[in-house]
Amino acid sequence: MSGRLSVTTLWRPTGPEELALVRESGWRAWPPRLPDQPIFYPVLTEDYAVRIAREWNVPHSGSGYVTRFFVDSAFLARYPVQLAGGRDIRELWVPAEDLPEFNAHIIGTIELVHSFEPVR
């Protein structure tokens, strides 16, 4: 047994307010959910994250962003993959109360990989 940590790449489409809170954390943690947000849902593909950032975050928040981060795969095993409309539309549903423990299993930092602004 090699003892190597297995990690899963996750993506998160986000708006400017949430991104500012991630930045304030030193790019190490997702902020607590708001009362009307019972789950935190990172997604499993970059394409799906880009689509949400462009089609939802930009119209609703004025800009959209996609982040990439890595999480301990053994920890993620407790969250079954959810199909949200198609085989390429996969996400994890992390209950809001689990978010501090989820953040503790992020490996490295959260990276900003795409930014989208409205088309003028």
PDB file of N, CA and C in Angstrom:
ATOM      1  N   MET A   1       0.855  -1.192   0.000  1.00  0.00           N
ATOM      2  CA  MET A   1       0.000   0.000   0.000  1.00  0.00           C
ATOM      3  C   MET A   1       0.889   1.240   0.000  1.00  0.00           C
ATOM      4  N   SER A   2       0.613   2.157  -0.911  1.00  0.00           N
ATOM      5  CA  SER A   2       1.484   3.312  -1.077  1.00  0.00           C
ATOM      6  C   SER A   2       1.180   4.438  -0.100  1.00  0.00           C
ATOM      7  N   GLY A   3      -0.035   4.498   0.435  1.00  0.00           N
ATOM      8  CA  GLY A   3      -0.386   5.573   1.349  1.00  0.00           C
ATOM      9  C   GLY A   3      -0.653   6.893   0.648  1.00  0.00           C
ATOM     10  N   ARG A   4      -0.757   6.875  -0.653  1.00  0.00           N
ATOM     11  CA  ARG A   4      -1.024   8.102  -1.409  1.00  0.00           C
ATOM     12  C   ARG A   4      -2.479   8.499  -1.247  1.00  0.00           C
ATOM     13  N   LEU A   5      -2.687   9.783  -1.122  1.00  0.00           N
ATOM     14  CA  LEU A   5      -4.021  10.345  -1.005  1.00  0.00           C
ATOM     15  C   LEU A   5      -4.647  10.432  -2.389  1.00  0.00           C
ATOM     16  N   SER A   6      -5.860   9.924  -2.526  1.00  0.00           N
ATOM     17  CA  SER A   6      -6.589  10.035  -3.780  1.00  0.00           C
ATOM     18  C   SER A   6      -7.455  11.292  -3.699  1.00  0.00           C
ATOM     19  N   VAL A   7      -7.393  12.114  -4.743  1.00  0.00           N
ATOM     20  CA  VAL A   7      -8.164  13.348  -4.746  1.00  0.00           C
ATOM     21  C   VAL A   7      -9.119  13.373  -5.941  1.00  0.00           C
ATOM     22  N   THR A   8     -10.211  14.086  -5.773  1.00  0.00           N
ATOM     23  CA  THR A   8     -11.205  14.285  -6.821  1.00  0.00           C
ATOM     24  C   THR A   8     -11.210  15.761  -7.173  1.00  0.00           C
ATOM     25  N   THR A   9     -11.218  16.052  -8.467  1.00  0.00           N
ATOM     26  CA  THR A   9     -11.324  17.428  -8.932  1.00  0.00           C
ATOM     27  C   THR A   9     -12.794  17.817  -8.960  1.00  0.00           C
ATOM     28  N   LEU A  10     -13.108  18.943  -8.329  1.00  0.00           N
ATOM     29  CA  LEU A  10     -14.462  19.475  -8.335  1.00  0.00           C
ATOM     30  C   LEU A  10     -14.440  20.887  -8.906  1.00  0.00           C
ATOM     31  N   TRP A  11     -15.588  21.314  -9.383  1.00  0.00           N
ATOM     32  CA  TRP A  11     -15.757  22.632  -9.992  1.00  0.00           C
ATOM     33  C   TRP A  11     -16.916  23.316  -9.300  1.00  0.00           C
ATOM     34  N   ARG A  12     -16.857  24.627  -9.207  1.00  0.00           N
ATOM     35  CA  ARG A  12     -17.952  25.366  -8.590  1.00  0.00           C
ATOM     36  C   ARG A  12     -18.220  26.641  -9.382  1.00  0.00           C
ATOM     37  N   PRO A  13     -19.412  26.740 -10.015  1.00  0.00           N
ATOM     38  CA  PRO A  13     -19.805  28.007 -10.612  1.00  0.00           C
ATOM     39  C   PRO A  13     -20.257  28.927  -9.491  1.00  0.00           C
ATOM     40  N   THR A  14     -19.898  30.186  -9.573  1.00  0.00           N
ATOM     41  CA  THR A  14     -20.223  31.096  -8.478  1.00  0.00           C
ATOM     42  C   THR A  14     -20.385  32.523  -8.975  1.00  0.00           C
ATOM     43  N   GLY A  15     -20.998  33.321  -8.153  1.00  0.00           N
ATOM     44  CA  GLY A  15     -21.158  34.736  -8.448  1.00  0.00           C
ATOM     45  C   GLY A  15     -20.133  35.556  -7.687  1.00  0.00           C
ATOM     46  N   PRO A  16     -20.164  36.873  -7.862  1.00  0.00           N
ATOM     47  CA  PRO A  16     -19.147  37.744  -7.267  1.00  0.00           C
ATOM     48  C   PRO A  16     -19.148  37.772  -5.739  1.00  0.00           C
ATOM     49  N   GLU A  17     -20.318  37.680  -5.115  1.00  0.00           N
ATOM     50  CA  GLU A  17     -20.363  37.748  -3.649  1.00  0.00           C
ATOM     51  C   GLU A  17     -19.698  36.532  -3.019  1.00  0.00           C
ATOM     52  N   GLU A  18     -20.053  35.340  -3.511  1.00  0.00           N
ATOM     53  CA  GLU A  18     -19.453  34.128  -2.962  1.00  0.00           C
ATOM     54  C   GLU A  18     -17.957  34.096  -3.257  1.00  0.00           C
ATOM     55  N   LEU A  19     -17.567  34.511  -4.462  1.00  0.00           N
ATOM     56  CA  LEU A  19     -16.150  34.518  -4.809  1.00  0.00           C
ATOM     57  C   LEU A  19     -15.364  35.443  -3.879  1.00  0.00           C
ATOM     58  N   ALA A  20     -15.934  36.579  -3.524  1.00  0.00           N
ATOM     59  CA  ALA A  20     -15.252  37.502  -2.603  1.00  0.00           C
ATOM     60  C   ALA A  20     -15.024  36.841  -1.245  1.00  0.00           C
ATOM     61  N   LEU A  21     -15.984  36.058  -0.776  1.00  0.00           N
ATOM     62  CA  LEU A  21     -15.823  35.364   0.506  1.00  0.00           C
ATOM     63  C   LEU A  21     -14.769  34.261   0.422  1.00  0.00           C
ATOM     64  N   VAL A  22     -14.702  33.590  -0.707  1.00  0.00           N
ATOM     65  CA  VAL A  22     -13.650  32.578  -0.908  1.00  0.00           C
ATOM     66  C   VAL A  22     -12.282  33.265  -0.890  1.00  0.00           C
ATOM     67  N   ARG A  23     -12.183  34.391  -1.570  1.00  0.00           N
ATOM     68  CA  ARG A  23     -10.929  35.156  -1.588  1.00  0.00           C
ATOM     69  C   ARG A  23     -10.535  35.547  -0.158  1.00  0.00           C
ATOM     70  N   GLU A  24     -11.510  36.023   0.628  1.00  0.00           N
ATOM     71  CA  GLU A  24     -11.245  36.410   2.024  1.00  0.00           C
ATOM     72  C   GLU A  24     -10.746  35.244   2.866  1.00  0.00           C
ATOM     73  N   SER A  25     -11.113  34.017   2.493  1.00  0.00           N
ATOM     74  CA  SER A  25     -10.656  32.829   3.235  1.00  0.00           C
ATOM     75  C   SER A  25      -9.222  32.445   2.868  1.00  0.00           C
ATOM     76  N   GLY A  26      -8.607  33.201   1.973  1.00  0.00           N
ATOM     77  CA  GLY A  26      -7.291  32.819   1.475  1.00  0.00           C
ATOM     78  C   GLY A  26      -7.384  31.728   0.425  1.00  0.00           C
ATOM     79  N   TRP A  27      -8.549  31.639  -0.225  1.00  0.00           N
ATOM     80  CA  TRP A  27      -8.814  30.629  -1.256  1.00  0.00           C
ATOM     81  C   TRP A  27      -8.786  29.218  -0.676  1.00  0.00           C
ATOM     82  N   ARG A  28      -9.208  29.073   0.588  1.00  0.00           N
ATOM     83  CA  ARG A  28      -9.138  27.770   1.250  1.00  0.00           C
ATOM     84  C   ARG A  28     -10.480  27.203   1.678  1.00  0.00           C
ATOM     85  N   ALA A  29     -11.570  27.995   1.602  1.00  0.00           N
ATOM     86  CA  ALA A  29     -12.845  27.497   2.129  1.00  0.00           C
ATOM     87  C   ALA A  29     -14.029  28.161   1.438  1.00  0.00           C
ATOM     88  N   TRP A  30     -15.118  27.411   1.399  1.00  0.00           N
ATOM     89  CA  TRP A  30     -16.391  27.929   0.915  1.00  0.00           C
ATOM     90  C   TRP A  30     -17.138  28.524   2.095  1.00  0.00           C
ATOM     91  N   PRO A  31     -17.821  29.653   1.880  1.00  0.00           N
ATOM     92  CA  PRO A  31     -18.530  30.301   2.987  1.00  0.00           C
ATOM     93  C   PRO A  31     -19.762  29.499   3.408  1.00  0.00           C
ATOM     94  N   PRO A  32     -20.216  29.724   4.638  1.00  0.00           N
ATOM     95  CA  PRO A  32     -21.446  29.053   5.087  1.00  0.00           C
ATOM     96  C   PRO A  32     -22.601  29.367   4.140  1.00  0.00           C
ATOM     97  N   ARG A  33     -23.510  28.437   4.028  1.00  0.00           N
ATOM     98  CA  ARG A  33     -24.687  28.625   3.194  1.00  0.00           C
ATOM     99  C   ARG A  33     -25.623  29.647   3.851  1.00  0.00           C
ATOM    100  N   LEU A  34     -26.372  30.328   3.026  1.00  0.00           N
ATOM    101  CA  LEU A  34     -27.405  31.231   3.520  1.00  0.00           C
ATOM    102  C   LEU A  34     -28.607  30.398   3.977  1.00  0.00           C
ATOM    103  N   PRO A  35     -29.504  30.963   4.776  1.00  0.00           N
ATOM    104  CA  PRO A  35     -30.640  30.175   5.279  1.00  0.00           C
ATOM    105  C   PRO A  35     -31.469  29.497   4.185  1.00  0.00           C
ATOM    106  N   ASP A  36     -31.565  30.104   3.009  1.00  0.00           N
ATOM    107  CA  ASP A  36     -32.348  29.495   1.929  1.00  0.00           C
ATOM    108  C   ASP A  36     -31.505  28.572   1.032  1.00  0.00           C
ATOM    109  N   GLN A  37     -30.294  28.231   1.488  1.00  0.00           N
ATOM    110  CA  GLN A  37     -29.402  27.347   0.723  1.00  0.00           C
ATOM    111  C   GLN A  37     -29.051  26.122   1.573  1.00  0.00           C
ATOM    112  N   PRO A  38     -29.913  25.105   1.578  1.00  0.00           N
ATOM    113  CA  PRO A  38     -29.671  23.941   2.435  1.00  0.00           C
ATOM    114  C   PRO A  38     -28.544  23.027   1.978  1.00  0.00           C
ATOM    115  N   ILE A  39     -28.116  23.185   0.712  1.00  0.00           N
ATOM    116  CA  ILE A  39     -27.020  22.351   0.225  1.00  0.00           C
ATOM    117  C   ILE A  39     -25.977  23.194  -0.501  1.00  0.00           C
ATOM    118  N   PHE A  40     -24.765  22.678  -0.492  1.00  0.00           N
ATOM    119  CA  PHE A  40     -23.652  23.208  -1.276  1.00  0.00           C
ATOM    120  C   PHE A  40     -23.455  22.198  -2.383  1.00  0.00           C
ATOM    121  N   TYR A  41     -23.455  22.653  -3.631  1.00  0.00           N
ATOM    122  CA  TYR A  41     -23.341  21.687  -4.712  1.00  0.00           C
ATOM    123  C   TYR A  41     -22.177  21.993  -5.647  1.00  0.00           C
ATOM    124  N   PRO A  42     -21.031  21.377  -5.392  1.00  0.00           N
ATOM    125  CA  PRO A  42     -19.959  21.414  -6.385  1.00  0.00           C
ATOM    126  C   PRO A  42     -20.342  20.467  -7.523  1.00  0.00           C
ATOM    127  N   VAL A  43     -19.794  20.726  -8.711  1.00  0.00           N
ATOM    128  CA  VAL A  43     -20.118  19.894  -9.868  1.00  0.00           C
ATOM    129  C   VAL A  43     -18.880  19.118 -10.310  1.00  0.00           C
ATOM    130  N   LEU A  44     -19.125  18.076 -11.115  1.00  0.00           N
ATOM    131  CA  LEU A  44     -18.049  17.160 -11.469  1.00  0.00           C
ATOM    132  C   LEU A  44     -17.395  17.423 -12.813  1.00  0.00           C
ATOM    133  N   THR A  45     -17.932  18.363 -13.593  1.00  0.00           N
ATOM    134  CA  THR A  45     -17.284  18.652 -14.879  1.00  0.00           C
ATOM    135  C   THR A  45     -17.135  20.155 -15.079  1.00  0.00           C
ATOM    136  N   GLU A  46     -16.066  20.510 -15.719  1.00  0.00           N
ATOM    137  CA  GLU A  46     -15.802  21.911 -16.037  1.00  0.00           C
ATOM    138  C   GLU A  46     -16.874  22.462 -16.985  1.00  0.00           C
ATOM    139  N   ASP A  47     -17.269  21.677 -17.971  1.00  0.00           N
ATOM    140  CA  ASP A  47     -18.267  22.149 -18.933  1.00  0.00           C
ATOM    141  C   ASP A  47     -19.577  22.528 -18.259  1.00  0.00           C
ATOM    142  N   TYR A  48     -20.029  21.712 -17.333  1.00  0.00           N
ATOM    143  CA  TYR A  48     -21.273  21.996 -16.612  1.00  0.00           C
ATOM    144  C   TYR A  48     -21.116  23.270 -15.778  1.00  0.00           C
ATOM    145  N   ALA A  49     -19.981  23.430 -15.115  1.00  0.00           N
ATOM    146  CA  ALA A  49     -19.733  24.631 -14.311  1.00  0.00           C
ATOM    147  C   ALA A  49     -19.729  25.887 -15.190  1.00  0.00           C
ATOM    148  N   VAL A  50     -19.102  25.797 -16.350  1.00  0.00           N
ATOM    149  CA  VAL A  50     -19.060  26.939 -17.278  1.00  0.00           C
ATOM    150  C   VAL A  50     -20.473  27.299 -17.720  1.00  0.00           C
ATOM    151  N   ARG A  51     -21.268  26.296 -18.034  1.00  0.00           N
ATOM    152  CA  ARG A  51     -22.636  26.551 -18.480  1.00  0.00           C
ATOM    153  C   ARG A  51     -23.446  27.274 -17.397  1.00  0.00           C
ATOM    154  N   ILE A  52     -23.332  26.845 -16.157  1.00  0.00           N
ATOM    155  CA  ILE A  52     -24.060  27.502 -15.062  1.00  0.00           C
ATOM    156  C   ILE A  52     -23.554  28.935 -14.871  1.00  0.00           C
ATOM    157  N   ALA A  53     -22.246  29.119 -14.882  1.00  0.00           N
ATOM    158  CA  ALA A  53     -21.681  30.458 -14.680  1.00  0.00           C
ATOM    159  C   ALA A  53     -22.162  31.428 -15.756  1.00  0.00           C
ATOM    160  N   ARG A  54     -22.171  30.976 -16.999  1.00  0.00           N
ATOM    161  CA  ARG A  54     -22.592  31.835 -18.118  1.00  0.00           C
ATOM    162  C   ARG A  54     -24.097  32.069 -18.129  1.00  0.00           C
ATOM    163  N   GLU A  55     -24.861  30.977 -17.979  1.00  0.00           N
ATOM    164  CA  GLU A  55     -26.307  31.054 -18.176  1.00  0.00           C
ATOM    165  C   GLU A  55     -27.084  31.468 -16.938  1.00  0.00           C
ATOM    166  N   TRP A  56     -26.528  31.292 -15.766  1.00  0.00           N
ATOM    167  CA  TRP A  56     -27.259  31.640 -14.545  1.00  0.00           C
ATOM    168  C   TRP A  56     -26.570  32.765 -13.788  1.00  0.00           C
ATOM    169  N   ASN A  57     -25.288  32.607 -13.459  1.00  0.00           N
ATOM    170  CA  ASN A  57     -24.612  33.615 -12.635  1.00  0.00           C
ATOM    171  C   ASN A  57     -24.523  34.978 -13.324  1.00  0.00           C
ATOM    172  N   VAL A  58     -24.162  35.003 -14.597  1.00  0.00           N
ATOM    173  CA  VAL A  58     -24.023  36.298 -15.279  1.00  0.00           C
ATOM    174  C   VAL A  58     -25.357  37.065 -15.288  1.00  0.00           C
ATOM    175  N   PRO A  59     -26.470  36.459 -15.729  1.00  0.00           N
ATOM    176  CA  PRO A  59     -27.720  37.212 -15.719  1.00  0.00           C
ATOM    177  C   PRO A  59     -28.195  37.612 -14.316  1.00  0.00           C
ATOM    178  N   HIS A  60     -27.943  36.760 -13.318  1.00  0.00           N
ATOM    179  CA  HIS A  60     -28.454  37.025 -11.973  1.00  0.00           C
ATOM    180  C   HIS A  60     -27.518  37.869 -11.115  1.00  0.00           C
ATOM    181  N   SER A  61     -26.221  37.848 -11.395  1.00  0.00           N
ATOM    182  CA  SER A  61     -25.256  38.536 -10.532  1.00  0.00           C
ATOM    183  C   SER A  61     -24.397  39.557 -11.257  1.00  0.00           C
ATOM    184  N   GLY A  62     -24.494  39.620 -12.571  1.00  0.00           N
ATOM    185  CA  GLY A  62     -23.689  40.561 -13.337  1.00  0.00           C
ATOM    186  C   GLY A  62     -22.355  39.996 -13.787  1.00  0.00           C
ATOM    187  N   SER A  63     -21.928  38.896 -13.187  1.00  0.00           N
ATOM    188  CA  SER A  63     -20.715  38.199 -13.611  1.00  0.00           C
ATOM    189  C   SER A  63     -20.792  36.771 -13.085  1.00  0.00           C
ATOM    190  N   GLY A  64     -20.009  35.919 -13.698  1.00  0.00           N
ATOM    191  CA  GLY A  64     -19.977  34.520 -13.287  1.00  0.00           C
ATOM    192  C   GLY A  64     -18.555  34.015 -13.304  1.00  0.00           C
ATOM    193  N   TYR A  65     -18.280  33.078 -12.426  1.00  0.00           N
ATOM    194  CA  TYR A  65     -16.927  32.558 -12.278  1.00  0.00           C
ATOM    195  C   TYR A  65     -16.981  31.048 -12.129  1.00  0.00           C
ATOM    196  N   VAL A  66     -15.910  30.401 -12.525  1.00  0.00           N
ATOM    197  CA  VAL A  66     -15.763  28.965 -12.324  1.00  0.00           C
ATOM    198  C   VAL A  66     -14.487  28.753 -11.537  1.00  0.00           C
ATOM    199  N   THR A  67     -14.608  27.983 -10.470  1.00  0.00           N
ATOM    200  CA  THR A  67     -13.452  27.626  -9.664  1.00  0.00           C
ATOM    201  C   THR A  67     -13.207  26.130  -9.769  1.00  0.00           C
ATOM    202  N   ARG A  68     -11.965  25.757  -9.496  1.00  0.00           N
ATOM    203  CA  ARG A  68     -11.564  24.349  -9.479  1.00  0.00           C
ATOM    204  C   ARG A  68     -10.878  24.103  -8.146  1.00  0.00           C
ATOM    205  N   PHE A  69     -11.172  22.949  -7.563  1.00  0.00           N
ATOM    206  CA  PHE A  69     -10.509  22.590  -6.314  1.00  0.00           C
ATOM    207  C   PHE A  69     -10.485  21.073  -6.178  1.00  0.00           C
ATOM    208  N   PHE A  70      -9.679  20.612  -5.264  1.00  0.00           N
ATOM    209  CA  PHE A  70      -9.447  19.184  -5.092  1.00  0.00           C
ATOM    210  C   PHE A  70      -9.842  18.783  -3.673  1.00  0.00           C
ATOM    211  N   VAL A  71     -10.515  17.628  -3.567  1.00  0.00           N
ATOM    212  CA  VAL A  71     -10.990  17.155  -2.275  1.00  0.00           C
ATOM    213  C   VAL A  71     -10.600  15.689  -2.114  1.00  0.00           C
ATOM    214  N   ASP A  72     -10.307  15.301  -0.890  1.00  0.00           N
ATOM    215  CA  ASP A  72      -9.977  13.924  -0.537  1.00  0.00           C
ATOM    216  C   ASP A  72     -11.118  12.999  -1.006  1.00  0.00           C
ATOM    217  N   SER A  73     -10.811  12.091  -1.913  1.00  0.00           N
ATOM    218  CA  SER A  73     -11.823  11.205  -2.497  1.00  0.00           C
ATOM    219  C   SER A  73     -12.487  10.311  -1.469  1.00  0.00           C
ATOM    220  N   ALA A  74     -11.734   9.834  -0.492  1.00  0.00           N
ATOM    221  CA  ALA A  74     -12.326   8.960   0.533  1.00  0.00           C
ATOM    222  C   ALA A  74     -13.404   9.714   1.312  1.00  0.00           C
ATOM    223  N   PHE A  75     -13.177  10.977   1.612  1.00  0.00           N
ATOM    224  CA  PHE A  75     -14.173  11.784   2.307  1.00  0.00           C
ATOM    225  C   PHE A  75     -15.416  11.964   1.429  1.00  0.00           C
ATOM    226  N   LEU A  76     -15.224  12.213   0.131  1.00  0.00           N
ATOM    227  CA  LEU A  76     -16.354  12.460  -0.774  1.00  0.00           C
ATOM    228  C   LEU A  76     -17.243  11.246  -0.974  1.00  0.00           C
ATOM    229  N   ALA A  77     -16.758  10.060  -0.650  1.00  0.00           N
ATOM    230  CA  ALA A  77     -17.535   8.840  -0.858  1.00  0.00           C
ATOM    231  C   ALA A  77     -18.875   8.880  -0.129  1.00  0.00           C
ATOM    232  N   ARG A  78     -18.992   9.708   0.905  1.00  0.00           N
ATOM    233  CA  ARG A  78     -20.262   9.798   1.652  1.00  0.00           C
ATOM    234  C   ARG A  78     -21.350  10.548   0.877  1.00  0.00           C
ATOM    235  N   TYR A  79     -20.964  11.226  -0.204  1.00  0.00           N
ATOM    236  CA  TYR A  79     -21.924  12.009  -0.982  1.00  0.00           C
ATOM    237  C   TYR A  79     -22.110  11.374  -2.355  1.00  0.00           C
ATOM    238  N   PRO A  80     -23.207  10.652  -2.572  1.00  0.00           N
ATOM    239  CA  PRO A  80     -23.403  10.028  -3.884  1.00  0.00           C
ATOM    240  C   PRO A  80     -23.530  11.082  -4.982  1.00  0.00           C
ATOM    241  N   VAL A  81     -23.052  10.738  -6.150  1.00  0.00           N
ATOM    242  CA  VAL A  81     -23.169  11.632  -7.307  1.00  0.00           C
ATOM    243  C   VAL A  81     -24.645  11.750  -7.672  1.00  0.00           C
ATOM    244  N   GLN A  82     -25.082  12.984  -7.858  1.00  0.00           N
ATOM    245  CA  GLN A  82     -26.469  13.272  -8.239  1.00  0.00           C
ATOM    246  C   GLN A  82     -26.511  13.640  -9.715  1.00  0.00           C
ATOM    247  N   LEU A  83     -27.424  13.042 -10.455  1.00  0.00           N
ATOM    248  CA  LEU A  83     -27.635  13.404 -11.852  1.00  0.00           C
ATOM    249  C   LEU A  83     -28.684  14.496 -11.872  1.00  0.00           C
ATOM    250  N   ALA A  84     -28.308  15.653 -12.390  1.00  0.00           N
ATOM    251  CA  ALA A  84     -29.199  16.819 -12.354  1.00  0.00           C
ATOM    252  C   ALA A  84     -29.764  17.124 -13.729  1.00  0.00           C
ATOM    253  N   GLY A  85     -30.053  16.091 -14.503  1.00  0.00           N
ATOM    254  CA  GLY A  85     -30.677  16.335 -15.790  1.00  0.00           C
ATOM    255  C   GLY A  85     -30.019  15.642 -16.966  1.00  0.00           C
ATOM    256  N   GLY A  86     -28.922  14.969 -16.763  1.00  0.00           N
ATOM    257  CA  GLY A  86     -28.260  14.268 -17.859  1.00  0.00           C
ATOM    258  C   GLY A  86     -26.968  13.643 -17.380  1.00  0.00           C
ATOM    259  N   ARG A  87     -26.432  12.751 -18.180  1.00  0.00           N
ATOM    260  CA  ARG A  87     -25.245  12.022 -17.733  1.00  0.00           C
ATOM    261  C   ARG A  87     -24.030  12.924 -17.530  1.00  0.00           C
ATOM    262  N   ASP A  88     -23.980  14.072 -18.198  1.00  0.00           N
ATOM    263  CA  ASP A  88     -22.870  15.004 -18.026  1.00  0.00           C
ATOM    264  C   ASP A  88     -23.196  16.121 -17.032  1.00  0.00           C
ATOM    265  N   ILE A  89     -24.380  16.061 -16.452  1.00  0.00           N
ATOM    266  CA  ILE A  89     -24.803  17.075 -15.490  1.00  0.00           C
ATOM    267  C   ILE A  89     -24.812  16.411 -14.116  1.00  0.00           C
ATOM    268  N   ARG A  90     -23.601  16.338 -13.541  1.00  0.00           N
ATOM    269  CA  ARG A  90     -23.409  15.621 -12.284  1.00  0.00           C
ATOM    270  C   ARG A  90     -22.907  16.579 -11.222  1.00  0.00           C
ATOM    271  N   GLU A  91     -23.447  16.411 -10.020  1.00  0.00           N
ATOM    272  CA  GLU A  91     -23.048  17.258  -8.907  1.00  0.00           C
ATOM    273  C   GLU A  91     -23.097  16.469  -7.614  1.00  0.00           C
ATOM    274  N   LEU A  92     -22.475  17.018  -6.592  1.00  0.00           N
ATOM    275  CA  LEU A  92     -22.563  16.451  -5.244  1.00  0.00           C
ATOM    276  C   LEU A  92     -23.454  17.367  -4.430  1.00  0.00           C
ATOM    277  N   TRP A  93     -24.237  16.781  -3.552  1.00  0.00           N
ATOM    278  CA  TRP A  93     -25.095  17.573  -2.676  1.00  0.00           C
ATOM    279  C   TRP A  93     -24.564  17.447  -1.261  1.00  0.00           C
ATOM    280  N   VAL A  94     -23.923  18.499  -0.800  1.00  0.00           N
ATOM    281  CA  VAL A  94     -23.318  18.520   0.538  1.00  0.00           C
ATOM    282  C   VAL A  94     -24.242  19.329   1.445  1.00  0.00           C
ATOM    283  N   PRO A  95     -24.829  18.720   2.474  1.00  0.00           N
ATOM    284  CA  PRO A  95     -25.690  19.479   3.377  1.00  0.00           C
ATOM    285  C   PRO A  95     -24.929  20.658   3.990  1.00  0.00           C
ATOM    286  N   ALA A  96     -25.614  21.766   4.162  1.00  0.00           N
ATOM    287  CA  ALA A  96     -24.991  22.989   4.682  1.00  0.00           C
ATOM    288  C   ALA A  96     -24.235  22.729   5.987  1.00  0.00           C
ATOM    289  N   GLU A  97     -24.787  21.885   6.834  1.00  0.00           N
ATOM    290  CA  GLU A  97     -24.132  21.628   8.127  1.00  0.00           C
ATOM    291  C   GLU A  97     -22.823  20.847   7.985  1.00  0.00           C
ATOM    292  N   ASP A  98     -22.597  20.214   6.833  1.00  0.00           N
ATOM    293  CA  ASP A  98     -21.354  19.470   6.584  1.00  0.00           C
ATOM    294  C   ASP A  98     -20.252  20.355   5.998  1.00  0.00           C
ATOM    295  N   LEU A  99     -20.570  21.584   5.634  1.00  0.00           N
ATOM    296  CA  LEU A  99     -19.610  22.409   4.899  1.00  0.00           C
ATOM    297  C   LEU A  99     -18.298  22.648   5.650  1.00  0.00           C
ATOM    298  N   PRO A 100     -18.287  22.906   6.967  1.00  0.00           N
ATOM    299  CA  PRO A 100     -16.988  23.063   7.635  1.00  0.00           C
ATOM    300  C   PRO A 100     -16.094  21.821   7.502  1.00  0.00           C
ATOM    301  N   GLU A 101     -16.670  20.640   7.651  1.00  0.00           N
ATOM    302  CA  GLU A 101     -15.888  19.410   7.496  1.00  0.00           C
ATOM    303  C   GLU A 101     -15.460  19.225   6.041  1.00  0.00           C
ATOM    304  N   PHE A 102     -16.349  19.545   5.097  1.00  0.00           N
ATOM    305  CA  PHE A 102     -16.012  19.492   3.679  1.00  0.00           C
ATOM    306  C   PHE A 102     -14.813  20.387   3.400  1.00  0.00           C
ATOM    307  N   ASN A 103     -14.857  21.630   3.892  1.00  0.00           N
ATOM    308  CA  ASN A 103     -13.750  22.568   3.690  1.00  0.00           C
ATOM    309  C   ASN A 103     -12.439  22.027   4.247  1.00  0.00           C
ATOM    310  N   ALA A 104     -12.512  21.323   5.357  1.00  0.00           N
ATOM    311  CA  ALA A 104     -11.301  20.761   5.974  1.00  0.00           C
ATOM    312  C   ALA A 104     -10.661  19.686   5.099  1.00  0.00           C
ATOM    313  N   HIS A 105     -11.412  19.136   4.152  1.00  0.00           N
ATOM    314  CA  HIS A 105     -10.889  18.092   3.266  1.00  0.00           C
ATOM    315  C   HIS A 105     -10.476  18.613   1.891  1.00  0.00           C
ATOM    316  N   ILE A 106     -10.527  19.942   1.697  1.00  0.00           N
ATOM    317  CA  ILE A 106     -10.017  20.517   0.456  1.00  0.00           C
ATOM    318  C   ILE A 106      -8.495  20.415   0.485  1.00  0.00           C
ATOM    319  N   ILE A 107      -7.918  19.943  -0.593  1.00  0.00           N
ATOM    320  CA  ILE A 107      -6.468  19.787  -0.710  1.00  0.00           C
ATOM    321  C   ILE A 107      -5.937  20.987  -1.493  1.00  0.00           C
ATOM    322  N   GLY A 108      -5.076  21.773  -0.880  1.00  0.00           N
ATOM    323  CA  GLY A 108      -4.537  22.953  -1.554  1.00  0.00           C
ATOM    324  C   GLY A 108      -5.522  24.101  -1.488  1.00  0.00           C
ATOM    325  N   THR A 109      -5.524  24.909  -2.555  1.00  0.00           N
ATOM    326  CA  THR A 109      -6.385  26.085  -2.578  1.00  0.00           C
ATOM    327  C   THR A 109      -7.428  25.988  -3.694  1.00  0.00           C
ATOM    328  N   ILE A 110      -8.444  26.803  -3.568  1.00  0.00           N
ATOM    329  CA  ILE A 110      -9.484  26.927  -4.577  1.00  0.00           C
ATOM    330  C   ILE A 110      -8.936  27.864  -5.654  1.00  0.00           C
ATOM    331  N   GLU A 111      -9.039  27.445  -6.906  1.00  0.00           N
ATOM    332  CA  GLU A 111      -8.472  28.229  -8.009  1.00  0.00           C
ATOM    333  C   GLU A 111      -9.575  28.828  -8.868  1.00  0.00           C
ATOM    334  N   LEU A 112      -9.430  30.090  -9.233  1.00  0.00           N
ATOM    335  CA  LEU A 112     -10.322  30.727 -10.188  1.00  0.00           C
ATOM    336  C   LEU A 112      -9.821  30.379 -11.584  1.00  0.00           C
ATOM    337  N   VAL A 113     -10.666  29.724 -12.393  1.00  0.00           N
ATOM    338  CA  VAL A 113     -10.212  29.279 -13.712  1.00  0.00           C
ATOM    339  C   VAL A 113     -10.941  29.937 -14.882  1.00  0.00           C
ATOM    340  N   HIS A 114     -12.130  30.515 -14.651  1.00  0.00           N
ATOM    341  CA  HIS A 114     -12.863  31.211 -15.707  1.00  0.00           C
ATOM    342  C   HIS A 114     -13.629  32.383 -15.109  1.00  0.00           C
ATOM    343  N   SER A 115     -13.716  33.463 -15.870  1.00  0.00           N
ATOM    344  CA  SER A 115     -14.513  34.636 -15.494  1.00  0.00           C
ATOM    345  C   SER A 115     -15.371  35.024 -16.690  1.00  0.00           C
ATOM    346  N   PHE A 116     -16.636  35.346 -16.415  1.00  0.00           N
ATOM    347  CA  PHE A 116     -17.559  35.733 -17.480  1.00  0.00           C
ATOM    348  C   PHE A 116     -18.288  37.014 -17.105  1.00  0.00           C
ATOM    349  N   GLU A 117     -18.389  37.891 -18.073  1.00  0.00           N
ATOM    350  CA  GLU A 117     -19.100  39.173 -17.904  1.00  0.00           C
ATOM    351  C   GLU A 117     -20.231  39.185 -18.934  1.00  0.00           C
ATOM    352  N   PRO A 118     -21.216  40.058 -18.736  1.00  0.00           N
ATOM    353  CA  PRO A 118     -22.292  40.126 -19.739  1.00  0.00           C
ATOM    354  C   PRO A 118     -21.762  40.570 -21.101  1.00  0.00           C
ATOM    355  N   VAL A 119     -22.377  40.054 -22.149  1.00  0.00           N
ATOM    356  CA  VAL A 119     -22.037  40.458 -23.512  1.00  0.00           C
ATOM    357  C   VAL A 119     -22.701  41.812 -23.754  1.00  0.00           C
ATOM    358  N   ARG A 120     -21.932  42.759 -24.221  1.00  0.00           N
ATOM    359  CA  ARG A 120     -22.474  44.116 -24.429  1.00  0.00           C
ATOM    360  C   ARG A 120     -22.710  44.377 -25.887  1.00  0.00           C
TER     361      ARG A 120
END
